[in-house]
């Protein structure tokens, strides 16, 4: 008998097939038994009818418990009332392993309990929907850069000799006879690659030892980081807008059932079309003052402020030209106002906060060396980075998009801990 995945059963109506999966739920009604099986691609209702209580199928049915692994066989037919619109008329149930005392039940569980059982929580229908959306977001990002824009993927190293961002948020490790650090970003390496390939991106895990417990922070997260030679700040912003619109509309098109499962307001996502809203840091400070925030020019715009700003707009909001003192050493100063950096953040609407940070990079050797020294960074570790400004330097720009925050926004999930299969949080590394 042919093994068929649940997502494909509609192609086999009237045929005898085999489905392999796990028990999602079951119930009895007189002489009828209803079994819902999941296999990772969907849910399938299977039914058995018999006047005999000792029917072998009924005995096998009775032995099954929640999350038991099982093989079911029978004829597939259309049934609009069933999940997915199809039903299997059971001819055989083969238990593979009977699960005992599955810890996650339909009752409410606390977040701590669910996180401790994350390896099992991933099986729940909402968590499955989130991971399907995450997969589509990642696939859309790759299609955007690979197919739509013809970028070259360049893999950045995980172990690095120095900081890219703040030196206080590094995970340090021994590298034989010297120190190394888990990468905070692949950006510096993408700058080197852009000088070889013109337009490149990396996509991988990054690490920040930031001792934060907010709903937006993880210690390990995934970022896509494009870098383009000859791009100025406005080019960079335009690319970020195009990427985000592409990703959101792709998810709406291909993962609508998962969005609906999560009760996401899809109409809010449908408004994510270019151009996005754009305001300067100066303008943002004035808006926040009018909203009652005790904030002055030069202060950082934090999570609470981002929430207020982003909720004023239906589309993503682009904040640009932050004070140079707030930003990383490699950002190009605004030629008209050197106290500002040619930088931008993109805030997701509905209060989800920053999903992208980017900038034009310093292309002048002397200025970059000065900034390295001002930030007390080890010159020797950045010698190769300075070389890029000695041999054919050009203006160039890029940004980083955080996958988990993007998933949280698009899926309508409040906390990023549910947007990655196994989150790494402050003081939490199990399982």
Protein backbone atom coordinates (compact mmCIF):
# COMPACT_ATOMS: atom_id res chain seq x y z
CA UNK A 1 0.00 0.00 0.00
CA UNK A 2 1.39 3.42 -0.97
CA UNK A 3 2.70 5.71 1.79
CA UNK A 4 1.21 9.18 1.25
CA UNK A 5 1.79 12.42 3.16
CA UNK A 6 -1.39 14.06 4.45
CA UNK A 7 -0.84 17.20 2.37
CA UNK A 8 -1.09 15.01 -0.76
CA UNK A 9 -4.09 12.81 0.08
CA UNK A 10 -6.34 14.85 -2.22
CA UNK A 11 -4.45 13.38 -5.16
CA UNK A 12 -5.47 9.83 -4.13
CA UNK A 13 -9.24 10.00 -3.64
CA UNK A 14 -10.75 6.54 -4.06
CA UNK A 15 -7.40 4.82 -3.52
CA UNK A 16 -6.16 2.64 -0.67
CA UNK A 17 -3.25 4.40 0.99
CA UNK A 18 -1.04 4.34 4.07
CA UNK A 19 -0.36 7.33 6.35
CA UNK A 20 2.39 7.41 8.97
CA UNK A 21 2.19 9.84 11.84
CA UNK A 22 1.14 10.53 15.42
CA UNK A 23 -2.16 10.61 17.29
CA UNK A 24 -3.46 14.17 17.48
CA UNK A 25 -6.81 13.29 19.06
CA UNK A 26 -9.44 10.55 19.14
CA UNK A 27 -13.05 10.06 20.17
CA UNK A 28 -15.76 7.43 20.11
CA UNK A 29 -19.42 7.78 19.25
CA UNK A 30 -21.38 4.56 19.57
CA UNK A 31 -20.23 2.19 16.86
CA UNK A 32 -17.95 4.78 15.23
CA UNK A 33 -14.36 5.63 16.08
CA UNK A 34 -12.78 8.93 15.01
CA UNK A 35 -9.01 9.26 14.92
CA UNK A 36 -7.14 12.45 13.99
CA UNK A 37 -3.56 11.81 12.87
CA UNK A 38 -0.87 14.38 12.12
CA UNK A 39 2.31 13.78 10.12
CA UNK A 40 3.88 17.24 10.00
CA UNK A 41 2.23 18.15 6.71
CA UNK A 42 -1.35 18.30 7.98
CA UNK A 43 -4.15 16.64 9.90
CA UNK A 44 -6.22 13.71 8.65
CA UNK A 45 -9.42 12.29 10.10
CA UNK A 46 -9.70 8.51 9.98
CA UNK A 47 -12.92 6.67 10.85
CA UNK A 48 -13.91 3.12 11.59
CA UNK A 49 -17.42 1.69 11.88
CA UNK A 50 -18.32 -1.69 13.34
CA UNK A 51 -21.17 -3.40 15.18
CA UNK A 52 -18.66 -5.69 16.89
CA UNK A 53 -16.99 -4.36 20.05
CA UNK A 54 -14.05 -6.74 19.66
CA UNK A 55 -13.26 -5.57 16.16
CA UNK A 56 -9.43 -5.63 15.74
CA UNK A 57 -9.44 -2.02 14.55
CA UNK A 58 -11.36 -0.95 17.68
CA UNK A 59 -8.87 -2.80 19.90
CA UNK A 60 -5.95 -1.06 18.20
CA UNK A 61 -7.82 2.25 18.45
CA UNK A 62 -8.38 1.79 22.19
CA UNK A 63 -4.67 1.19 22.77
CA UNK A 64 -3.68 4.52 21.27
CA UNK A 65 -2.86 7.52 23.43
CA UNK A 66 -2.09 11.16 22.67
CA UNK A 67 1.13 11.42 20.60
CA UNK A 68 1.46 7.67 20.07
CA UNK A 69 3.12 6.95 16.75
CA UNK A 70 0.91 5.03 14.37
CA UNK A 71 0.50 3.78 10.82
CA UNK A 72 -3.03 3.84 9.43
CA UNK A 73 -4.34 2.31 6.22
CA UNK A 74 -7.56 2.65 4.32
CA UNK A 75 -9.42 4.30 1.45
CA UNK A 76 -9.33 8.08 1.10
CA UNK A 77 -12.49 10.02 0.30
CA UNK A 78 -13.67 13.61 0.24
CA UNK A 79 -15.34 14.84 3.43
CA UNK A 80 -15.84 18.60 3.71
CA UNK A 81 -16.55 18.40 7.45
CA UNK A 82 -13.17 16.80 8.19
CA UNK A 83 -9.89 18.70 8.73
CA UNK A 84 -8.40 19.36 5.29
CA UNK A 85 -11.54 18.19 3.52
CA UNK A 86 -10.61 14.48 3.32
CA UNK A 87 -11.21 11.39 5.43
CA UNK A 88 -9.64 7.94 5.59
CA UNK A 89 -11.95 4.92 5.93
CA UNK A 90 -9.85 2.74 8.19
CA UNK A 91 -8.99 -0.78 7.22
CA UNK A 92 -6.00 -1.16 9.58
CA UNK A 93 -4.34 0.57 12.54
CA UNK A 94 -0.74 -0.35 13.34
CA UNK A 95 0.57 1.15 16.60
CA UNK A 96 4.30 1.86 16.33
CA UNK A 97 4.95 3.14 19.88
CA UNK A 98 2.43 3.88 22.61
CA UNK A 99 3.19 7.19 24.36
CA UNK A 100 2.71 7.10 28.13
CA UNK A 101 1.63 10.16 30.14
CA UNK A 102 2.37 12.78 27.50
CA UNK A 103 3.11 15.87 29.62
CA UNK A 104 1.50 18.57 27.45
CA UNK A 105 -2.27 18.32 27.73
CA UNK A 106 -5.13 20.50 26.44
CA UNK A 107 -5.20 22.34 29.78
CA UNK A 108 -3.32 25.62 30.22
CA UNK A 109 0.40 25.35 30.96
CA UNK A 110 2.75 28.07 32.16
CA UNK A 111 5.45 29.44 29.88
CA UNK A 112 8.18 28.01 32.12
CA UNK A 113 6.72 24.51 31.82
CA UNK A 114 6.30 24.79 28.06
CA UNK A 115 9.83 26.11 27.57
CA UNK A 116 11.24 23.24 29.64
CA UNK A 117 9.34 20.92 27.30
CA UNK A 118 10.13 22.84 24.13
CA UNK A 119 11.16 19.61 22.38
CA UNK A 120 7.54 18.47 22.74
CA UNK A 121 5.81 21.86 22.58
CA UNK A 122 7.03 22.13 18.98
CA UNK A 123 4.38 19.52 18.08
CA UNK A 124 1.42 21.73 19.03
CA UNK A 125 -0.64 23.11 16.17
CA UNK A 126 0.21 26.77 16.80
CA UNK A 127 3.91 26.07 17.15
CA UNK A 128 3.81 24.08 13.93
CA UNK A 129 2.13 27.03 12.21
CA UNK A 130 4.82 29.42 13.47
CA UNK A 131 7.63 27.18 12.20
CA UNK A 132 5.92 26.82 8.79
CA UNK A 133 5.74 30.62 8.56
CA UNK A 134 9.39 30.90 9.62
CA UNK A 135 10.35 28.44 6.89
CA UNK A 136 8.46 30.47 4.28
CA UNK A 137 10.08 33.72 5.45
CA UNK A 138 13.54 32.19 5.10
CA UNK A 139 12.71 30.73 1.70
CA UNK A 140 11.34 34.09 0.54
CA UNK A 141 14.48 35.88 1.71
CA UNK A 142 16.67 33.48 -0.23
CA UNK A 143 14.50 33.73 -3.33
CA UNK A 144 14.61 37.52 -3.14
CA UNK A 145 18.39 37.67 -3.07
CA UNK A 146 19.16 34.61 -5.20
CA UNK A 147 16.51 34.89 -7.89
CA UNK A 148 15.06 38.39 -7.87
CA UNK A 149 18.29 40.32 -7.22
CA UNK A 150 20.99 37.83 -8.26
CA UNK A 151 23.15 38.34 -5.18
CA UNK A 152 25.97 35.94 -4.31
CA UNK A 153 25.69 34.07 -1.01
CA UNK A 154 28.91 34.31 1.01
CA UNK A 155 29.18 32.37 4.27
CA UNK A 156 30.63 34.42 7.11
CA UNK A 157 32.69 32.79 9.90
CA UNK A 158 31.12 32.11 13.29
CA UNK A 159 34.42 32.52 15.16
CA UNK A 160 35.91 36.01 14.87
CA UNK A 161 39.01 37.73 16.30
CA UNK A 162 37.28 40.98 17.33
CA UNK A 163 33.97 42.73 17.95
CA UNK A 164 31.78 44.04 15.18
CA UNK A 165 29.28 45.72 17.49
CA UNK A 166 29.65 46.56 21.19
CA UNK A 167 32.52 44.86 22.99
CA UNK A 168 30.38 44.20 26.09
CA UNK A 169 28.01 41.85 24.25
CA UNK A 170 30.51 39.23 23.11
CA UNK A 171 30.63 35.53 23.90
CA UNK A 172 34.32 34.78 24.40
CA UNK A 173 35.96 31.43 23.79
CA UNK A 174 39.49 30.00 23.70
CA UNK A 175 40.95 29.55 20.23
CA UNK A 176 44.10 27.54 20.88
CA UNK A 177 46.61 30.15 22.13
CA UNK A 178 44.41 33.23 21.62
CA UNK A 179 40.94 34.56 22.28
CA UNK A 180 38.08 34.33 19.81
CA UNK A 181 34.46 35.44 19.91
CA UNK A 182 31.16 34.13 18.62
CA UNK A 183 30.10 36.34 15.75
CA UNK A 184 27.78 39.28 16.44
CA UNK A 185 27.40 39.87 12.71
CA UNK A 186 28.83 38.78 9.38
CA UNK A 187 28.81 42.35 8.11
CA UNK A 188 32.54 43.11 8.10
CA UNK A 189 33.21 39.99 6.08
CA UNK A 190 30.41 40.89 3.67
CA UNK A 191 32.14 44.21 3.06
CA UNK A 192 35.21 42.30 1.90
CA UNK A 193 33.05 40.02 -0.24
CA UNK A 194 31.20 42.96 -1.81
CA UNK A 195 34.49 44.28 -3.10
CA UNK A 196 34.90 40.97 -4.93
CA UNK A 197 31.33 40.25 -6.06
CA UNK A 198 29.55 43.61 -6.01
CA UNK A 199 26.38 42.43 -4.26
CA UNK A 200 26.45 39.72 -1.62
CA UNK A 201 24.66 38.44 1.45
CA UNK A 202 25.24 36.06 4.31
CA UNK A 203 22.58 34.17 6.25
CA UNK A 204 23.34 32.48 9.52
CA UNK A 205 23.31 32.50 13.32
CA UNK A 206 24.65 35.44 15.30
CA UNK A 207 25.27 35.79 19.02
CA UNK A 208 24.83 38.66 21.47
CA UNK A 209 25.72 38.36 25.15
CA UNK A 210 23.31 41.15 26.00
CA UNK A 211 21.77 40.56 29.44
CA UNK A 212 18.26 41.42 28.40
CA UNK A 213 15.00 39.71 29.30
CA UNK A 214 12.72 41.64 26.95
CA UNK A 215 10.28 39.91 24.59
CA UNK A 216 12.45 41.01 21.65
CA UNK A 217 15.83 39.58 22.68
CA UNK A 218 17.57 36.25 22.18
CA UNK A 219 21.19 35.29 22.83
CA UNK A 220 21.34 33.37 19.54
CA UNK A 221 19.38 34.48 16.52
CA UNK A 222 19.48 34.35 12.72
CA UNK A 223 20.26 37.29 10.47
CA UNK A 224 20.39 37.94 6.76
CA UNK A 225 22.96 40.61 5.91
CA UNK A 226 23.26 42.00 2.37
CA UNK A 227 26.09 44.32 1.38
CA UNK A 228 26.36 46.20 -1.92
CA UNK A 229 29.30 48.08 -3.43
CA UNK A 230 28.54 51.62 -4.61
CA UNK A 231 25.29 51.72 -2.61
CA UNK A 232 24.52 54.93 -0.74
CA UNK A 233 22.13 55.18 2.21
CA UNK A 234 19.04 55.80 0.06
CA UNK A 235 19.85 52.75 -2.09
CA UNK A 236 20.19 50.68 1.07
CA UNK A 237 16.83 51.80 2.42
CA UNK A 238 15.13 51.07 -0.91
CA UNK A 239 16.53 47.53 -0.92
CA UNK A 240 15.27 46.93 2.62
CA UNK A 241 11.79 48.16 1.69
CA UNK A 242 11.66 45.90 -1.34
CA UNK A 243 12.82 42.88 0.65
CA UNK A 244 10.26 43.30 3.43
CA UNK A 245 7.37 43.85 1.03
CA UNK A 246 8.42 40.75 -0.94
CA UNK A 247 8.63 38.56 2.17
CA UNK A 248 5.33 39.70 3.70
CA UNK A 249 3.35 39.27 0.49
CA UNK A 250 4.91 35.85 -0.11
CA UNK A 251 3.81 34.65 3.34
CA UNK A 252 0.28 35.95 2.80
CA UNK A 253 0.15 34.13 -0.53
CA UNK A 254 1.58 30.80 0.61
CA UNK A 255 0.88 30.50 4.35
CA UNK A 256 -2.58 31.97 4.78
CA UNK A 257 -3.94 28.85 6.57
CA UNK A 258 -1.11 29.09 9.13
CA UNK A 259 -1.74 32.82 9.65
CA UNK A 260 -5.42 32.05 10.17
CA UNK A 261 -4.55 29.30 12.65
CA UNK A 262 -2.66 31.92 14.67
CA UNK A 263 -5.63 34.30 14.31
CA UNK A 264 -3.37 36.85 12.66
CA UNK A 265 -5.01 39.98 11.26
CA UNK A 266 -4.06 39.43 7.63
CA UNK A 267 -5.56 42.75 6.55
CA UNK A 268 -2.81 44.53 8.51
CA UNK A 269 -0.14 42.60 6.59
CA UNK A 270 -1.79 43.31 3.24
CA UNK A 271 -1.04 47.01 3.80
CA UNK A 272 2.72 46.35 3.77
CA UNK A 273 3.41 47.86 0.36
CA UNK A 274 6.08 50.36 -0.64
CA UNK A 275 6.78 53.18 -0.01
CA UNK A 276 7.14 52.87 3.75
CA UNK A 277 6.97 55.76 6.19
CA UNK A 278 10.28 57.60 6.80
CA UNK A 279 11.19 60.04 9.57
CA UNK A 280 14.54 61.31 10.79
CA UNK A 281 15.87 60.81 14.30
CA UNK A 282 15.28 64.55 14.88
CA UNK A 283 11.63 64.20 13.90
CA UNK A 284 11.23 61.08 16.06
CA UNK A 285 12.49 62.93 19.13
CA UNK A 286 9.94 65.69 18.57
CA UNK A 287 7.10 63.16 18.17
CA UNK A 288 8.12 61.36 21.37
CA UNK A 289 8.25 64.62 23.33
CA UNK A 290 4.70 65.40 22.21
CA UNK A 291 3.72 61.92 23.39
CA UNK A 292 4.99 62.75 26.87
CA UNK A 293 8.40 61.05 26.83
CA UNK A 294 11.19 62.72 28.79
CA UNK A 295 13.70 62.40 26.01
CA UNK A 296 16.28 64.78 24.59
CA UNK A 297 18.40 64.89 21.48
CA UNK A 298 21.23 62.37 21.81
CA UNK A 299 19.23 59.88 23.87
CA UNK A 300 18.70 56.42 22.47
CA UNK A 301 15.27 55.44 21.23
CA UNK A 302 14.45 52.32 23.25
CA UNK A 303 11.83 49.61 23.00
CA UNK A 304 9.02 51.61 24.60
CA UNK A 305 9.68 54.56 22.32
CA UNK A 306 9.85 52.29 19.26
CA UNK A 307 6.48 50.82 20.18
CA UNK A 308 4.84 54.23 20.36
CA UNK A 309 6.38 55.36 17.08
CA UNK A 310 5.56 52.21 15.13
CA UNK A 311 1.93 52.19 16.28
CA UNK A 312 1.41 55.55 14.61
CA UNK A 313 1.82 53.99 11.17
CA UNK A 314 0.17 51.08 9.34
CA UNK A 315 3.34 50.25 7.41
CA UNK A 316 6.89 49.64 8.60
CA UNK A 317 8.57 52.83 9.79
CA UNK A 318 12.09 53.82 8.75
CA UNK A 319 14.04 55.97 11.23
CA UNK A 320 17.17 57.44 9.70
CA UNK A 321 20.24 59.51 10.54
CA UNK A 322 20.87 58.63 14.16
CA UNK A 323 23.52 60.43 16.24
CA UNK A 324 26.92 59.02 15.32
CA UNK A 325 27.80 58.60 19.01
CA UNK A 326 25.03 55.98 19.35
CA UNK A 327 26.10 53.86 16.43
CA UNK A 328 28.89 51.46 15.50
CA UNK A 329 32.35 52.70 14.58
CA UNK A 330 32.07 51.79 10.89
CA UNK A 331 29.10 54.03 9.97
CA UNK A 332 29.65 56.91 7.55
CA UNK A 333 28.95 60.36 9.02
CA UNK A 334 26.41 62.60 7.32
CA UNK A 335 28.49 65.08 5.26
CA UNK A 336 25.95 67.84 5.97
CA UNK A 337 25.85 67.15 9.72
CA UNK A 338 28.87 65.10 10.89
CA UNK A 339 27.29 64.53 14.29
CA UNK A 340 24.81 62.23 12.51
CA UNK A 341 25.47 58.84 10.95
CA UNK A 342 24.12 57.69 7.59
CA UNK A 343 22.15 54.94 9.31
CA UNK A 344 18.62 53.63 9.53
CA UNK A 345 16.41 51.26 11.48
CA UNK A 346 13.19 49.71 10.22
CA UNK A 347 10.46 49.30 12.83
CA UNK A 348 7.69 46.80 12.22
CA UNK A 349 4.18 48.18 12.73
CA UNK A 350 1.82 47.20 15.55
CA UNK A 351 4.51 47.74 18.17
CA UNK A 352 6.88 44.93 17.14
CA UNK A 353 9.96 47.13 17.12
CA UNK A 354 13.17 47.05 15.12
CA UNK A 355 13.56 44.31 12.52
CA UNK A 356 16.33 45.91 10.41
CA UNK A 357 19.38 48.00 11.16
CA UNK A 358 21.62 49.31 8.41
CA UNK A 359 23.96 52.04 7.25
CA UNK A 360 26.34 53.38 4.70
CA UNK A 361 29.87 52.31 5.73
CA UNK A 362 32.92 54.49 6.14
CA UNK A 363 34.96 54.21 2.93
CA UNK A 364 37.87 56.49 3.89
CA UNK A 365 40.93 54.83 5.43
CA UNK A 366 41.96 57.65 7.74
CA UNK A 367 38.47 58.21 9.10
CA UNK A 368 37.94 54.51 9.76
CA UNK A 369 41.30 54.26 11.57
CA UNK A 370 40.34 57.26 13.68
CA UNK A 371 37.02 55.65 14.64
CA UNK A 372 38.72 52.36 15.55
CA UNK A 373 41.07 54.24 17.87
CA UNK A 374 38.26 56.33 19.38
CA UNK A 375 36.43 53.12 20.25
CA UNK A 376 39.57 51.53 21.76
CA UNK A 377 39.40 48.61 19.37
CA UNK A 378 42.51 46.49 18.62
CA UNK A 379 44.03 47.87 15.42
CA UNK A 380 45.84 44.63 14.63
CA UNK A 381 42.56 42.68 14.58
CA UNK A 382 41.10 45.16 12.08
CA UNK A 383 44.12 45.39 9.78
CA UNK A 384 42.38 43.34 7.12
CA UNK A 385 39.26 45.53 7.43
CA UNK A 386 41.36 48.66 6.96
CA UNK A 387 42.94 47.07 3.88
CA UNK A 388 39.56 47.30 2.16
CA UNK A 389 39.95 51.10 2.32
CA UNK A 390 43.47 50.98 0.84
CA UNK A 391 42.80 48.89 -2.24
CA UNK A 392 39.96 50.17 -4.39
CA UNK A 393 37.69 51.57 -1.69
CA UNK A 394 34.19 52.62 -2.79
CA UNK A 395 31.03 53.79 -1.01
CA UNK A 396 29.08 50.74 0.13
CA UNK A 397 26.09 49.96 2.32
CA UNK A 398 24.21 47.11 3.89
CA UNK A 399 21.86 46.04 6.63
CA UNK A 400 20.89 43.15 8.85
CA UNK A 401 17.38 41.72 9.14
CA UNK A 402 16.64 39.65 12.25
CA UNK A 403 14.62 36.58 11.32
CA UNK A 404 13.02 35.99 14.72
CA UNK A 405 11.66 39.51 15.14
CA UNK A 406 10.38 39.38 11.58
CA UNK A 407 8.63 36.07 12.27
CA UNK A 408 7.13 37.48 15.47
CA UNK A 409 5.66 40.42 13.59
CA UNK A 410 4.35 38.56 10.55
CA UNK A 411 2.94 35.68 12.61
CA UNK A 412 1.56 38.00 15.29
CA UNK A 413 3.51 36.29 18.08
CA UNK A 414 4.13 38.40 21.16
CA UNK A 415 7.50 36.94 22.25
CA UNK A 416 10.46 35.94 20.07
CA UNK A 417 11.01 32.78 22.13
CA UNK A 418 8.30 31.07 20.05
CA UNK A 419 9.79 32.08 16.71
CA UNK A 420 12.91 29.87 16.83
CA UNK A 421 12.84 26.10 17.40
CA UNK A 422 15.11 26.08 20.46
CA UNK A 423 15.49 29.60 21.90
CA UNK A 424 18.56 30.67 23.83
CA UNK A 425 17.47 33.11 26.50
CA UNK A 426 19.20 34.81 29.42
CA UNK A 427 20.19 32.01 31.82
CA UNK A 428 18.26 29.43 29.77
CA UNK A 429 19.97 26.93 27.47
CA UNK A 430 17.85 23.77 28.03
CA UNK A 431 16.79 21.85 26.04
